[in-house]
Amino acid sequence: MKKFFLENKRFIVRNFNHKDINKEYLSWFNGKNENLKFSRHYKKKYNRRVLVDNLKNFLNSKDFFLGIFDIKTEELIGTITVYIDNNKKSGNLGIFIGNKKFFSKGYALESCQIVIKFLFKEKLVNSIVAGTKNENIKMINLMKNLNMKKMIRKDTLNTSYTIRKLA
């Protein structure tokens, strides 16, 4: 995983690491976190070892596992993942705001914007794709607010959006 560090006035986005896997982070997966409702992680039980193993998969890859941290308190807000497809020169974006204190305050939009801008600027990708279940209105609205365009899919249970770098 490539070194990553971006910031704005409200938060920092940097590589997620082993020290970030604490009781609070673990509680996001094993509690009643409404933002997991549409995730593949929903209703699964996790322990520290499983989450560390997941992180290890990113460490030796071209993909990104990023933490979003409050700039003042350094408190973990959420995570962003980007799976890079070098053949298609595209990235598959995922975001999870797990800290309830930061729900519905624009952190998802702002953090995705600066990550996408970085990926395009560094020429790591030419397009970004994101997807979710049709019922996940928050994520669909996020993708629309990122100026992503809806893709036609045969799978009617999910919605996908894409954004392409303008030449």
Foldseek 3Di string as FASTA:
>chain_A
DDWDWDDDPWKIKTADDLVLLDPLVQCLLVDPFVQCPFPPSHPPHDDSVVVNVVSVVVVPDPKGWIFIATPPPRHTQWIKIWDADQVQQETEIDITGRDPVCPPVCPVLVVVLVVVVVCVVVSSGFKYKYKTFPVPVVVVVSCVVSVWAWDDDPPNGMTMTMDGDDD
